[in-house]
Structure formats: structure tokens, C-alpha cells
C-alpha atoms as a PDB file:
ATOM      1  CA  MET A   1     -20.396 -34.169  34.678  1.00  0.00           C
ATOM      2  CA  SER A   2     -17.285 -36.159  35.849  1.00  0.00           C
ATOM      3  CA  VAL A   3     -14.882 -33.927  34.474  1.00  0.00           C
ATOM      4  CA  ILE A   4     -16.217 -30.807  36.799  1.00  0.00           C
ATOM      5  CA  ASP A   5     -14.902 -30.921  40.214  1.00  0.00           C
ATOM      6  CA  PRO A   6     -16.758 -28.778  42.298  1.00  0.00           C
ATOM      7  CA  SER A   7     -13.740 -27.430  44.388  1.00  0.00           C
ATOM      8  CA  ARG A   8     -11.466 -26.701  40.703  1.00  0.00           C
ATOM      9  CA  HIS A   9     -14.883 -25.298  38.691  1.00  0.00           C
ATOM     10  CA  PRO A  10     -16.800 -24.172  41.039  1.00  0.00           C
ATOM     11  CA  LEU A  11     -18.287 -21.827  38.670  1.00  0.00           C
ATOM     12  CA  LEU A  12     -19.065 -24.735  36.221  1.00  0.00           C
ATOM     13  CA  HIS A  13     -20.204 -26.945  38.467  1.00  0.00           C
ATOM     14  CA  ALA A  14     -22.851 -24.369  39.639  1.00  0.00           C
ATOM     15  CA  VAL A  15     -24.061 -23.329  36.264  1.00  0.00           C
ATOM     16  CA  ALA A  16     -24.526 -27.797  35.552  1.00  0.00           C
ATOM     17  CA  ASP A  17     -26.277 -27.982  38.282  1.00  0.00           C
ATOM     18  CA  GLY A  18     -29.555 -28.633  36.956  1.00  0.00           C
ATOM     19  CA  ALA A  19     -28.876 -27.513  33.730  1.00  0.00           C
ATOM     20  CA  GLN A  20     -31.376 -28.332  30.901  1.00  0.00           C
ATOM     21  CA  TRP A  21     -28.535 -29.702  28.956  1.00  0.00           C
ATOM     22  CA  LEU A  22     -26.902 -31.448  31.385  1.00  0.00           C
ATOM     23  CA  GLY A  23     -26.548 -35.738  30.498  1.00  0.00           C
ATOM     24  CA  THR A  24     -27.524 -34.940  26.739  1.00  0.00           C
ATOM     25  CA  ASP A  25     -24.473 -34.642  25.409  1.00  0.00           C
ATOM     26  CA  GLU A  26     -20.607 -34.625  26.559  1.00  0.00           C
ATOM     27  CA  PHE A  27     -19.860 -31.447  27.490  1.00  0.00           C
ATOM     28  CA  PRO A  28     -17.607 -30.540  29.064  1.00  0.00           C
ATOM     29  CA  SER A  29     -14.995 -33.343  27.389  1.00  0.00           C
ATOM     30  CA  CYS A  30     -12.026 -33.397  29.500  1.00  0.00           C
ATOM     31  CA  ARG A  31     -10.591 -31.502  32.185  1.00  0.00           C
ATOM     32  CA  GLU A  32      -8.896 -29.197  30.206  1.00  0.00           C
ATOM     33  CA  TRP A  33     -12.161 -27.847  28.332  1.00  0.00           C
ATOM     34  CA  ALA A  34     -13.808 -27.571  32.338  1.00  0.00           C
ATOM     35  CA  ASP A  35     -10.933 -25.445  33.710  1.00  0.00           C
ATOM     36  CA  GLU A  36     -11.443 -22.759  30.054  1.00  0.00           C
ATOM     37  CA  HIS A  37     -14.671 -22.992  30.994  1.00  0.00           C
ATOM     38  CA  GLU A  38     -14.307 -22.363  34.474  1.00  0.00           C
ATOM     39  CA  ALA A  39     -12.161 -19.117  33.180  1.00  0.00           C
ATOM     40  CA  TRP A  40     -15.140 -17.721  31.044  1.00  0.00           C
ATOM     41  CA  LEU A  41     -17.220 -18.131  33.709  1.00  0.00           C
ATOM     42  CA  ARG A  42     -15.417 -15.641  36.405  1.00  0.00           C
ATOM     43  CA  PHE A  43     -14.224 -13.128  33.923  1.00  0.00           C
ATOM     44  CA  VAL A  44     -18.408 -12.802  33.131  1.00  0.00           C
ATOM     45  CA  ARG A  45     -18.778 -12.757  36.993  1.00  0.00           C
ATOM     46  CA  ASP A  46     -15.460 -10.347  37.564  1.00  0.00           C
ATOM     47  CA  SER A  47     -18.037  -8.831  34.573  1.00  0.00           C
ATOM     48  CA  GLY A  48     -20.544  -8.017  36.404  1.00  0.00           C
ATOM     49  CA  ALA A  49     -22.332 -10.201  33.505  1.00  0.00           C
ATOM     50  CA  LEU A  50     -22.726 -14.342  34.484  1.00  0.00           C
ATOM     51  CA  GLU A  51     -26.320 -13.253  35.753  1.00  0.00           C
ATOM     52  CA  HIS A  52     -27.150 -11.823  31.950  1.00  0.00           C
ATOM     53  CA  TYR A  53     -25.662 -15.362  31.206  1.00  0.00           C
ATOM     54  CA  LEU A  54     -27.055 -17.515  33.630  1.00  0.00           C
ATOM     55  CA  PRO A  55     -30.579 -18.417  31.406  1.00  0.00           C
ATOM     56  CA  ARG A  56     -28.753 -19.604  28.592  1.00  0.00           C
ATOM     57  CA  LEU A  57     -25.835 -21.038  30.370  1.00  0.00           C
ATOM     58  CA  ARG A  58     -28.350 -23.586  31.890  1.00  0.00           C
ATOM     59  CA  GLY A  59     -30.738 -24.071  29.363  1.00  0.00           C
ATOM     60  CA  PRO A  60     -30.725 -26.932  27.071  1.00  0.00           C
ATOM     61  CA  LYS A  61     -27.169 -27.592  25.288  1.00  0.00           C
ATOM     62  CA  GLU A  62     -27.694 -25.208  21.946  1.00  0.00           C
ATOM     63  CA  ARG A  63     -28.221 -22.041  24.372  1.00  0.00           C
ATOM     64  CA  ARG A  64     -25.584 -22.803  26.389  1.00  0.00           C
ATOM     65  CA  ASP A  65     -23.055 -23.392  23.393  1.00  0.00           C
ATOM     66  CA  GLU A  66     -24.032 -20.292  21.854  1.00  0.00           C
ATOM     67  CA  ALA A  67     -23.766 -18.581  25.344  1.00  0.00           C
ATOM     68  CA  PHE A  68     -19.997 -19.508  25.417  1.00  0.00           C
ATOM     69  CA  ALA A  69     -19.558 -18.450  22.409  1.00  0.00           C
ATOM     70  CA  GLU A  70     -21.018 -14.541  22.850  1.00  0.00           C
ATOM     71  CA  ILE A  71     -18.233 -15.360  26.592  1.00  0.00           C
ATOM     72  CA  ALA A  72     -15.243 -16.401  24.776  1.00  0.00           C
ATOM     73  CA  PRO A  73     -14.437 -13.834  22.725  1.00  0.00           C
ATOM     74  CA  ALA A  74     -14.804 -11.593  24.925  1.00  0.00           C
ATOM     75  CA  HIS A  75     -12.402 -13.122  27.497  1.00  0.00           C
ATOM     76  CA  PHE A  76     -10.172 -13.273  24.358  1.00  0.00           C
ATOM     77  CA  PHE A  77     -10.201  -9.220  23.750  1.00  0.00           C
ATOM     78  CA  ALA A  78     -10.247  -8.499  27.530  1.00  0.00           C
ATOM     79  CA  THR A  79      -6.890 -11.493  28.642  1.00  0.00           C
ATOM     80  CA  LYS A  80      -5.228 -11.575  25.442  1.00  0.00           C
ATOM     81  CA  CYS A  81      -5.763  -8.130  23.923  1.00  0.00           C
ATOM     82  CA  GLY A  82      -5.642  -6.571  26.710  1.00  0.00           C
ATOM     83  CA  LEU A  83      -9.126  -4.259  25.855  1.00  0.00           C
ATOM     84  CA  SER A  84     -11.530  -3.546  27.941  1.00  0.00           C
ATOM     85  CA  ILE A  85     -15.403  -3.869  28.132  1.00  0.00           C
ATOM     86  CA  PHE A  86     -17.021  -1.313  28.803  1.00  0.00           C
ATOM     87  CA  GLU A  87     -20.986  -2.331  28.305  1.00  0.00           C
ATOM     88  CA  TRP A  88     -22.421  -5.824  27.969  1.00  0.00           C
ATOM     89  CA  GLU A  89     -26.013  -5.768  25.732  1.00  0.00           C
ATOM     90  CA  PRO A  90     -24.665  -2.243  24.436  1.00  0.00           C
ATOM     91  CA  VAL A  91     -27.969   0.153  22.834  1.00  0.00           C
ATOM     92  CA  GLY A  92     -27.418  -0.217  18.470  1.00  0.00           C
ATOM     93  CA  ALA A  93     -29.132   0.545  15.349  1.00  0.00           C
ATOM     94  CA  LYS A  94     -32.929   0.927  16.055  1.00  0.00           C
ATOM     95  CA  GLY A  95     -32.857  -0.244  19.284  1.00  0.00           C
ATOM     96  CA  LYS A  96     -31.170  -3.881  18.721  1.00  0.00           C
ATOM     97  CA  ARG A  97     -28.614  -4.806  21.278  1.00  0.00           C
ATOM     98  CA  GLY A  98     -25.124  -6.006  20.395  1.00  0.00           C
ATOM     99  CA  GLU A  99     -23.443  -8.172  22.341  1.00  0.00           C
ATOM    100  CA  PHE A 100     -20.243  -5.697  24.344  1.00  0.00           C
ATOM    101  CA  LEU A 101     -18.420  -2.463  23.359  1.00  0.00           C
ATOM    102  CA  MET A 102     -14.708  -2.672  24.264  1.00  0.00           C
ATOM    103  CA  GLY A 103     -11.517  -1.085  23.434  1.00  0.00           C
ATOM    104  CA  PHE A 104      -9.048   1.104  24.975  1.00  0.00           C
ATOM    105  CA  ASP A 105     -10.893   4.133  25.453  1.00  0.00           C
ATOM    106  CA  LYS A 106     -14.726   4.458  26.673  1.00  0.00           C
ATOM    107  CA  ARG A 107     -15.079   7.857  24.297  1.00  0.00           C
ATOM    108  CA  SER A 108     -13.761   5.817  21.046  1.00  0.00           C
ATOM    109  CA  PRO A 109     -15.087   1.563  21.768  1.00  0.00           C
ATOM    110  CA  VAL A 110     -15.759  -0.888  19.183  1.00  0.00           C
ATOM    111  CA  PHE A 111     -19.539  -1.982  18.892  1.00  0.00           C
ATOM    112  CA  VAL A 112     -19.389  -6.223  19.167  1.00  0.00           C
ATOM    113  CA  GLU A 113     -21.890  -8.181  17.039  1.00  0.00           C
ATOM    114  CA  VAL A 114     -21.197 -11.980  18.071  1.00  0.00           C
ATOM    115  CA  LYS A 115     -22.732 -15.195  15.005  1.00  0.00           C
ATOM    116  CA  ALA A 116     -21.992 -18.501  15.961  1.00  0.00           C
ATOM    117  CA  PRO A 117     -22.943 -20.752  12.675  1.00  0.00           C
ATOM    118  CA  GLY A 118     -22.716 -24.317  12.974  1.00  0.00           C
ATOM    119  CA  TRP A 119     -22.493 -27.302  11.403  1.00  0.00           C
ATOM    120  CA  GLU A 120     -26.150 -28.197  12.247  1.00  0.00           C
ATOM    121  CA  ASP A 121     -27.199 -25.054   9.941  1.00  0.00           C
ATOM    122  CA  GLU A 122     -24.906 -26.382   7.071  1.00  0.00           C
ATOM    123  CA  ILE A 123     -26.546 -29.549   7.116  1.00  0.00           C
ATOM    124  CA  ALA A 124     -29.902 -28.352   7.738  1.00  0.00           C
ATOM    125  CA  LYS A 125     -28.998 -25.790   4.089  1.00  0.00           C
ATOM    126  CA  SER A 126     -27.981 -29.230   2.034  1.00  0.00           C
ATOM    127  CA  GLU A 127     -30.301 -31.780   2.829  1.00  0.00           C
ATOM    128  CA  GLY A 128     -32.626 -30.271   4.871  1.00  0.00           C
ATOM    129  CA  GLN A 129     -34.629 -30.039   8.426  1.00  0.00           C
ATOM    130  CA  ASP A 130     -34.998 -34.185   8.238  1.00  0.00           C
ATOM    131  CA  SER A 131     -31.925 -35.125   7.299  1.00  0.00           C
ATOM    132  CA  CYS A 132     -31.013 -37.793   9.587  1.00  0.00           C
ATOM    133  CA  ARG A 133     -27.593 -36.303   9.271  1.00  0.00           C
ATOM    134  CA  LEU A 134     -28.460 -34.401  12.140  1.00  0.00           C
ATOM    135  CA  GLN A 135     -29.369 -36.932  14.580  1.00  0.00           C
ATOM    136  CA  GLN A 136     -25.436 -37.839  14.155  1.00  0.00           C
ATOM    137  CA  PRO A 137     -22.467 -36.734  15.715  1.00  0.00           C
ATOM    138  CA  LYS A 138     -21.110 -33.828  13.838  1.00  0.00           C
ATOM    139  CA  TYR A 139     -17.597 -36.405  12.700  1.00  0.00           C
ATOM    140  CA  ILE A 140     -18.216 -40.071  11.479  1.00  0.00           C
ATOM    141  CA  SER A 141     -14.767 -41.799  10.970  1.00  0.00           C
ATOM    142  CA  GLY A 142     -14.214 -42.201   7.160  1.00  0.00           C
ATOM    143  CA  GLU A 143     -16.954 -39.324   6.133  1.00  0.00           C
ATOM    144  CA  ALA A 144     -16.396 -37.359   3.156  1.00  0.00           C
ATOM    145  CA  ARG A 145     -18.691 -34.326   2.596  1.00  0.00           C
ATOM    146  CA  ALA A 146     -18.757 -31.150   0.708  1.00  0.00           C
ATOM    147  CA  THR A 147     -18.637 -27.555   2.829  1.00  0.00           C
ATOM    148  CA  ALA A 148     -19.575 -23.919   1.772  1.00  0.00           C
ATOM    149  CA  PRO A 149     -18.608 -22.142   4.963  1.00  0.00           C
ATOM    150  CA  TRP A 150     -18.232 -19.325   2.630  1.00  0.00           C
ATOM    151  CA  ALA A 151     -21.984 -18.906   2.997  1.00  0.00           C
ATOM    152  CA  SER A 152     -22.629 -19.091   6.559  1.00  0.00           C
ATOM    153  CA  ALA A 153     -19.805 -16.314   6.673  1.00  0.00           C
ATOM    154  CA  ARG A 154     -22.455 -14.298   4.293  1.00  0.00           C
ATOM    155  CA  HIS A 155     -24.918 -15.438   5.847  1.00  0.00           C
ATOM    156  CA  ALA A 156     -23.724 -14.103   9.565  1.00  0.00           C
ATOM    157  CA  VAL A 157     -23.027 -10.721   8.344  1.00  0.00           C
ATOM    158  CA  VAL A 158     -26.662 -10.563   6.906  1.00  0.00           C
ATOM    159  CA  LYS A 159     -28.081 -11.850  10.084  1.00  0.00           C
ATOM    160  CA  ALA A 160     -25.856  -9.125  12.140  1.00  0.00           C
ATOM    161  CA  TYR A 161     -25.930  -6.114   9.966  1.00  0.00           C
ATOM    162  CA  PRO A 162     -29.163  -4.816  11.399  1.00  0.00           C
ATOM    163  CA  LYS A 163     -27.886  -3.917  14.767  1.00  0.00           C
ATOM    164  CA  MET A 164     -25.255  -2.181  13.799  1.00  0.00           C
ATOM    165  CA  PRO A 165     -24.837   1.423  14.266  1.00  0.00           C
ATOM    166  CA  ASP A 166     -23.003   4.374  11.820  1.00  0.00           C
ATOM    167  CA  ASP A 167     -21.193   6.738  14.388  1.00  0.00           C
ATOM    168  CA  VAL A 168     -19.045   4.420  16.518  1.00  0.00           C
ATOM    169  CA  ALA A 169     -16.462   1.408  14.985  1.00  0.00           C
ATOM    170  CA  THR A 170     -18.272  -1.650  14.459  1.00  0.00           C
ATOM    171  CA  LEU A 171     -16.889  -5.304  14.627  1.00  0.00           C
ATOM    172  CA  LEU A 172     -18.657  -8.734  13.686  1.00  0.00           C
ATOM    173  CA  VAL A 173     -17.307 -11.881  15.261  1.00  0.00           C
ATOM    174  CA  ILE A 174     -17.935 -15.045  13.759  1.00  0.00           C
ATOM    175  CA  ASN A 175     -17.295 -18.361  16.268  1.00  0.00           C
ATOM    176  CA  ASP A 176     -18.319 -20.533  13.908  1.00  0.00           C
ATOM    177  CA  ASP A 177     -18.981 -24.570  14.511  1.00  0.00           C
ATOM    178  CA  LEU A 178     -18.546 -25.134  10.753  1.00  0.00           C
ATOM    179  CA  MET A 179     -17.831 -28.825   9.573  1.00  0.00           C
ATOM    180  CA  VAL A 180     -14.724 -26.715   8.653  1.00  0.00           C
ATOM    181  CA  SER A 181     -14.245 -23.689  11.124  1.00  0.00           C
ATOM    182  CA  LEU A 182     -13.473 -20.839   8.620  1.00  0.00           C
ATOM    183  CA  LEU A 183     -10.116 -19.910  10.183  1.00  0.00           C
ATOM    184  CA  ASP A 184      -8.962 -23.942   8.914  1.00  0.00           C
ATOM    185  CA  TRP A 185      -9.303 -22.572   5.241  1.00  0.00           C
ATOM    186  CA  SER A 186      -5.445 -20.152   3.940  1.00  0.00           C
ATOM    187  CA  THR A 187      -7.728 -17.043   2.348  1.00  0.00           C
ATOM    188  CA  MET A 188     -11.575 -18.330   2.845  1.00  0.00           C
ATOM    189  CA  LEU A 189     -12.840 -14.665   3.543  1.00  0.00           C
ATOM    190  CA  ASN A 190     -10.513 -12.179   1.965  1.00  0.00           C
ATOM    191  CA  ASP A 191     -10.866 -13.700  -1.304  1.00  0.00           C
ATOM    192  CA  ILE A 192     -14.119 -15.572  -1.361  1.00  0.00           C
ATOM    193  CA  ALA A 193     -16.981 -14.990   1.823  1.00  0.00           C
ATOM    194  CA  LEU A 194     -16.405 -11.237   1.650  1.00  0.00           C
ATOM    195  CA  TYR A 195     -14.430  -9.656  -1.133  1.00  0.00           C
ATOM    196  CA  ALA A 196     -15.594 -11.427  -4.102  1.00  0.00           C
ATOM    197  CA  PRO A 197     -17.036  -9.507  -6.879  1.00  0.00           C
ATOM    198  CA  LYS A 198     -19.810 -11.558  -8.174  1.00  0.00           C
ATOM    199  CA  SER A 199     -18.862 -13.106 -11.893  1.00  0.00           C
ATOM    200  CA  PRO A 200     -20.912 -12.278 -15.165  1.00  0.00           C
ATOM    201  CA  GLY A 201     -22.926 -15.961 -15.997  1.00  0.00           C
ATOM    202  CA  HIS A 202     -22.998 -17.060 -12.998  1.00  0.00           C
ATOM    203  CA  THR A 203     -26.320 -18.171 -10.862  1.00  0.00           C
ATOM    204  CA  SER A 204     -25.042 -20.138  -8.016  1.00  0.00           C
ATOM    205  CA  GLY A 205     -21.943 -20.338  -6.270  1.00  0.00           C
ATOM    206  CA  TYR A 206     -19.982 -17.824  -3.902  1.00  0.00           C
ATOM    207  CA  LEU A 207     -20.027 -15.761  -7.560  1.00  0.00           C
ATOM    208  CA  ALA A 208     -23.664 -15.356  -8.235  1.00  0.00           C
ATOM    209  CA  GLU A 209     -23.398 -12.478  -6.225  1.00  0.00           C
ATOM    210  CA  ASN A 210     -21.380  -9.595  -4.623  1.00  0.00           C
ATOM    211  CA  GLY A 211     -19.826 -10.570  -0.893  1.00  0.00           C
ATOM    212  CA  PRO A 212     -20.613  -8.127   1.470  1.00  0.00           C
ATOM    213  CA  PHE A 213     -17.688  -6.308   1.069  1.00  0.00           C
ATOM    214  CA  ALA A 214     -17.332  -5.975  -2.499  1.00  0.00           C
ATOM    215  CA  ASP A 215     -19.763  -3.137  -1.853  1.00  0.00           C
ATOM    216  CA  THR A 216     -21.184  -0.281  -0.397  1.00  0.00           C
ATOM    217  CA  ARG A 217     -24.125  -2.472   0.890  1.00  0.00           C
ATOM    218  CA  PHE A 218     -22.832  -3.005   4.008  1.00  0.00           C
ATOM    219  CA  GLU A 219     -20.775   0.192   4.607  1.00  0.00           C
ATOM    220  CA  ARG A 220     -22.022   0.189   8.207  1.00  0.00           C
ATOM    221  CA  LEU A 221     -19.811  -2.936   9.116  1.00  0.00           C
ATOM    222  CA  GLY A 222     -16.220  -1.748   9.755  1.00  0.00           C
ATOM    223  CA  ALA A 223     -15.153  -5.543  10.482  1.00  0.00           C
ATOM    224  CA  VAL A 224     -15.386  -9.436  10.541  1.00  0.00           C
ATOM    225  CA  GLY A 225     -13.518 -11.465  12.956  1.00  0.00           C
ATOM    226  CA  VAL A 226     -13.237 -14.258  12.563  1.00  0.00           C
ATOM    227  CA  PHE A 227     -12.394 -16.462  16.057  1.00  0.00           C
ATOM    228  CA  ASN A 228     -11.849 -19.973  17.167  1.00  0.00           C
ATOM    229  CA  VAL A 229     -11.135 -21.770  20.297  1.00  0.00           C
ATOM    230  CA  ARG A 230      -9.087 -25.149  19.807  1.00  0.00           C
ATOM    231  CA  LEU A 231      -8.059 -27.631  22.284  1.00  0.00           C
ATOM    232  CA  THR A 232      -4.987 -30.112  21.151  1.00  0.00           C
ATOM    233  CA  SER A 233      -2.389 -30.643  23.197  1.00  0.00           C
ATOM    234  CA  HIS A 234      -3.073 -26.458  24.968  1.00  0.00           C
ATOM    235  CA  VAL A 235      -5.594 -24.417  24.401  1.00  0.00           C
ATOM    236  CA  GLU A 236      -5.510 -22.563  20.911  1.00  0.00           C
ATOM    237  CA  TYR A 237      -7.196 -18.819  20.727  1.00  0.00           C
ATOM    238  CA  ARG A 238      -7.072 -18.525  16.821  1.00  0.00           C
ATOM    239  CA  PHE A 239      -7.990 -14.541  15.491  1.00  0.00           C
ATOM    240  CA  ALA A 240      -8.612 -13.105  12.324  1.00  0.00           C
ATOM    241  CA  ILE A 241      -9.509  -9.899  11.342  1.00  0.00           C
ATOM    242  CA  PHE A 242     -11.077  -8.317   8.112  1.00  0.00           C
ATOM    243  CA  GLY A 243     -11.455  -4.719   7.363  1.00  0.00           C
ATOM    244  CA  ASN A 244     -14.445  -3.025   4.877  1.00  0.00           C
ATOM    245  CA  PRO A 245     -12.664  -1.120   2.538  1.00  0.00           C
ATOM    246  CA  HIS A 246     -16.267   0.486   1.605  1.00  0.00           C
ATOM    247  CA  ALA A 247     -16.719   1.406   5.309  1.00  0.00           C
ATOM    248  CA  LEU A 248     -18.299   4.262   6.727  1.00  0.00           C
ATOM    249  CA  ARG A 249     -15.030   6.107   8.257  1.00  0.00           C
ATOM    250  CA  ALA A 250     -17.124   6.166  11.465  1.00  0.00           C
ATOM    251  CA  VAL A 251     -16.961   2.791  12.349  1.00  0.00           C
ATOM    252  CA  MET A 252     -14.064   1.359  10.750  1.00  0.00           C
ATOM    253  CA  VAL A 253     -11.817  -0.731  13.317  1.00  0.00           C
ATOM    254  CA  PRO A 254      -8.922   0.828  13.918  1.00  0.00           C
ATOM    255  CA  ARG A 255      -5.458  -0.913  13.709  1.00  0.00           C
ATOM    256  CA  GLU A 256      -4.947  -1.404  17.198  1.00  0.00           C
ATOM    257  CA  ILE A 257      -7.617  -3.407  18.278  1.00  0.00           C
ATOM    258  CA  ALA A 258      -5.875  -6.751  18.107  1.00  0.00           C
ATOM    259  CA  ALA A 259      -2.820  -5.612  16.408  1.00  0.00           C
ATOM    260  CA  GLY A 260      -1.336  -9.152  17.199  1.00  0.00           C
ATOM    261  CA  TYR A 261      -3.496 -10.440  15.009  1.00  0.00           C
ATOM    262  CA  GLU A 262      -3.962 -10.916  11.231  1.00  0.00           C
ATOM    263  CA  ARG A 263      -5.628  -8.596   9.567  1.00  0.00           C
ATOM    264  CA  TYR A 264      -6.891  -7.780   6.163  1.00  0.00           C
ATOM    265  CA  ASP A 265      -8.510  -5.117   4.191  1.00  0.00           C
ATOM    266  CA  GLY A 266      -9.386  -7.134   0.681  1.00  0.00           C
ATOM    267  CA  SER A 267      -7.527  -4.490  -1.427  1.00  0.00           C
ATOM    268  CA  LYS A 268      -4.651  -7.347  -3.165  1.00  0.00           C
ATOM    269  CA  GLY A 269      -5.715 -10.471  -4.645  1.00  0.00           C
ATOM    270  CA  THR A 270      -5.070 -13.973  -3.213  1.00  0.00           C
ATOM    271  CA  GLU A 271      -4.834 -17.848  -4.313  1.00  0.00           C
ATOM    272  CA  PRO A 272      -8.130 -19.735  -4.451  1.00  0.00           C
ATOM    273  CA  ALA A 273      -9.339 -20.933  -0.743  1.00  0.00           C
ATOM    274  CA  ARG A 274      -8.236 -24.200   0.503  1.00  0.00           C
ATOM    275  CA  PRO A 275      -7.038 -25.951   3.569  1.00  0.00           C
ATOM    276  CA  THR A 276      -4.120 -24.686   5.304  1.00  0.00           C
ATOM    277  CA  GLY A 277      -1.088 -27.032   5.820  1.00  0.00           C
ATOM    278  CA  LYS A 278      -0.546 -30.094   4.565  1.00  0.00           C
ATOM    279  CA  ARG A 279      -2.945 -32.002   7.161  1.00  0.00           C
ATOM    280  CA  PRO A 280      -5.593 -29.823   8.714  1.00  0.00           C
ATOM    281  CA  TRP A 281      -6.405 -30.581  11.581  1.00  0.00           C
ATOM    282  CA  PHE A 282      -9.333 -31.663  11.428  1.00  0.00           C
ATOM    283  CA  ALA A 283      -8.050 -35.059   9.867  1.00  0.00           C
ATOM    284  CA  GLU A 284      -7.276 -36.345  12.752  1.00  0.00           C
ATOM    285  CA  PHE A 285     -10.661 -36.082  14.064  1.00  0.00           C
ATOM    286  CA  ILE A 286     -12.695 -37.709  11.828  1.00  0.00           C
ATOM    287  CA  ALA A 287     -10.545 -40.530  10.868  1.00  0.00           C
ATOM    288  CA  ASP A 288     -10.154 -41.111  14.788  1.00  0.00           C
ATOM    289  CA  PRO A 289     -13.718 -40.115  16.845  1.00  0.00           C
ATOM    290  CA  SER A 290     -12.078 -41.347  20.114  1.00  0.00           C
ATOM    291  CA  SER A 291      -9.561 -37.776  20.141  1.00  0.00           C
ATOM    292  CA  ARG A 292     -12.673 -35.822  20.657  1.00  0.00           C
ATOM    293  CA  ALA A 293     -11.576 -35.170  24.061  1.00  0.00           C
ATOM    294  CA  ARG A 294      -8.730 -34.278  23.438  1.00  0.00           C
ATOM    295  CA  PHE A 295      -9.646 -31.888  20.920  1.00  0.00           C
ATOM    296  CA  GLY A 296     -12.731 -30.661  22.636  1.00  0.00           C
ATOM    297  CA  LYS A 297     -15.040 -30.886  20.984  1.00  0.00           C
ATOM    298  CA  GLU A 298     -18.669 -31.982  21.440  1.00  0.00           C
END
């Protein structure tokens, strides 16, 4: 807990004091990462939601990360997009509760659910729950590994969908911690995870079934937002929103929501998914685990 300064990070210090996760990992990995988490905690305190999150924030590291994965997008929408959080834990379909209601006007809110698929689930799905890889760090120097992040995105949609009401705009935010983040692939969600139709003759892989936005099966879900926060030379918030062309009119997410960020609707064909740029951001991390602190990764 050496990077947590009680005078600089009073809320994070209070959360960490006696927490189950304390000493089980490197969180927070550096002072800049501690600063950002302190800002998130101030936000939920001032919004009246800190007590709701405290049990998880003080629990095992998995529960702590789950709570911060929900808090960070709310902070982003409020501070970066100018939106208001109207309600925490709103009731959705069949009494199931989402994360929060947000928007510019209380009369037309957006119902938000957050899912945070992680790299451990990727490993478990491909190698089984008993894989020894699950006992190792996320990144290992020199390791090459095939991933299928499209499957994690589709699974998040399936898990979130039962909560979605049919009378207000609905948004699933995927805040992932996958081996390769969804936002590090050029058109991963656009042409594979969400919009790709089933292709005859394929019995496995992403073409073995329709993507969730290829037909009307998920018509109560207005859009998927892919969110990520990373720490390089500075804290960077990344977000893109993917609209459902088959959504009910009542649940469509207004275009003014996160208007300054990329938005797709699946109406145009795109190039096959691949990592963006000549050198993905995670290349240095994989090659040199000592860079972990600078990237804010656990």
C-alpha cells in the first residue's frame, strides 16, 4: 500500500484499510493509478453511491476490480461526456437491477448495465478451470497466445440482456480486461462480435452463429459501448458505441450520448478485425513485464 498516501488518497486509504484484497496483488501499481481511483471514489461518494460499493471495494481483488469496472464508466459519462447520473441500481426487466440511469434529461434516461469480462475467463474457456496459466500473471514475456475476444463480447450481451427494459434507451458497457482489449482491434465489434451473420458450413468460430445485432434476438438492447481506461504517459479514456440496427425504437441510444466518441451502426461492410496501428500498445508490456507500473496493470 506504499503508493497510497493517506493525505493524497484519503478515500482509497480508507477502502484499503483492512480490505480482503490488501497485499494479494500490486494494486494500485503506481501513484498515478492511485490518483485516478481516488477520483473515482470521490465521484461515487459525491453521487451518494459509495456505501453501495463499499462491500465489494473491500472484498477480494476480483470483487474490488468488478466494482471499479462499474464506477469508472459512470465517472467517464459524467466528467467527460457531460451527462448526469440520475439513479443508481435502477430496476430493469423482471425486477433485475442495472448499474445506473444517465442522460441529459430525466424524462429520457439511458439504462446502463456494465459487464467486465477478464483474461482469466478467456483462459478458462480455452484451457479449462484447472489451467496452470490461471496461477500466473496476465502477461508473460515472450508468450504468444490466440484469443477470441469476439466471444467475450457476445457472452457479455447474452448475460446482460435479461435486465434490459423495453421502454427506455438501453446501453451495455463492456469494460474488459482481456488479453487484448476490444478497443485494440480495428473493427472487432463492428464486423465480428456484433454484426457478423452466420455463414453456411461453419460449425465453430464467430461465423457459426449470428452476431447479436445481426437479427432481432436482442431487440431490447439499443447499443453496446466498449470502454477502456489505460495509463501510459497519462490516463486515457477510450470509448466507442455500437448501435443495434434491429433495436426497438424506444430503446435506441440517442446520438447525442457520448457524441464526441466513435459510433457505428453496422450498416457498412468493414475490413477484417486486426490490431490497430503498426505496434499495439500492449507489445511493450508483453516484452517487458517491468513496464507494468507505467501501464497501470495488475
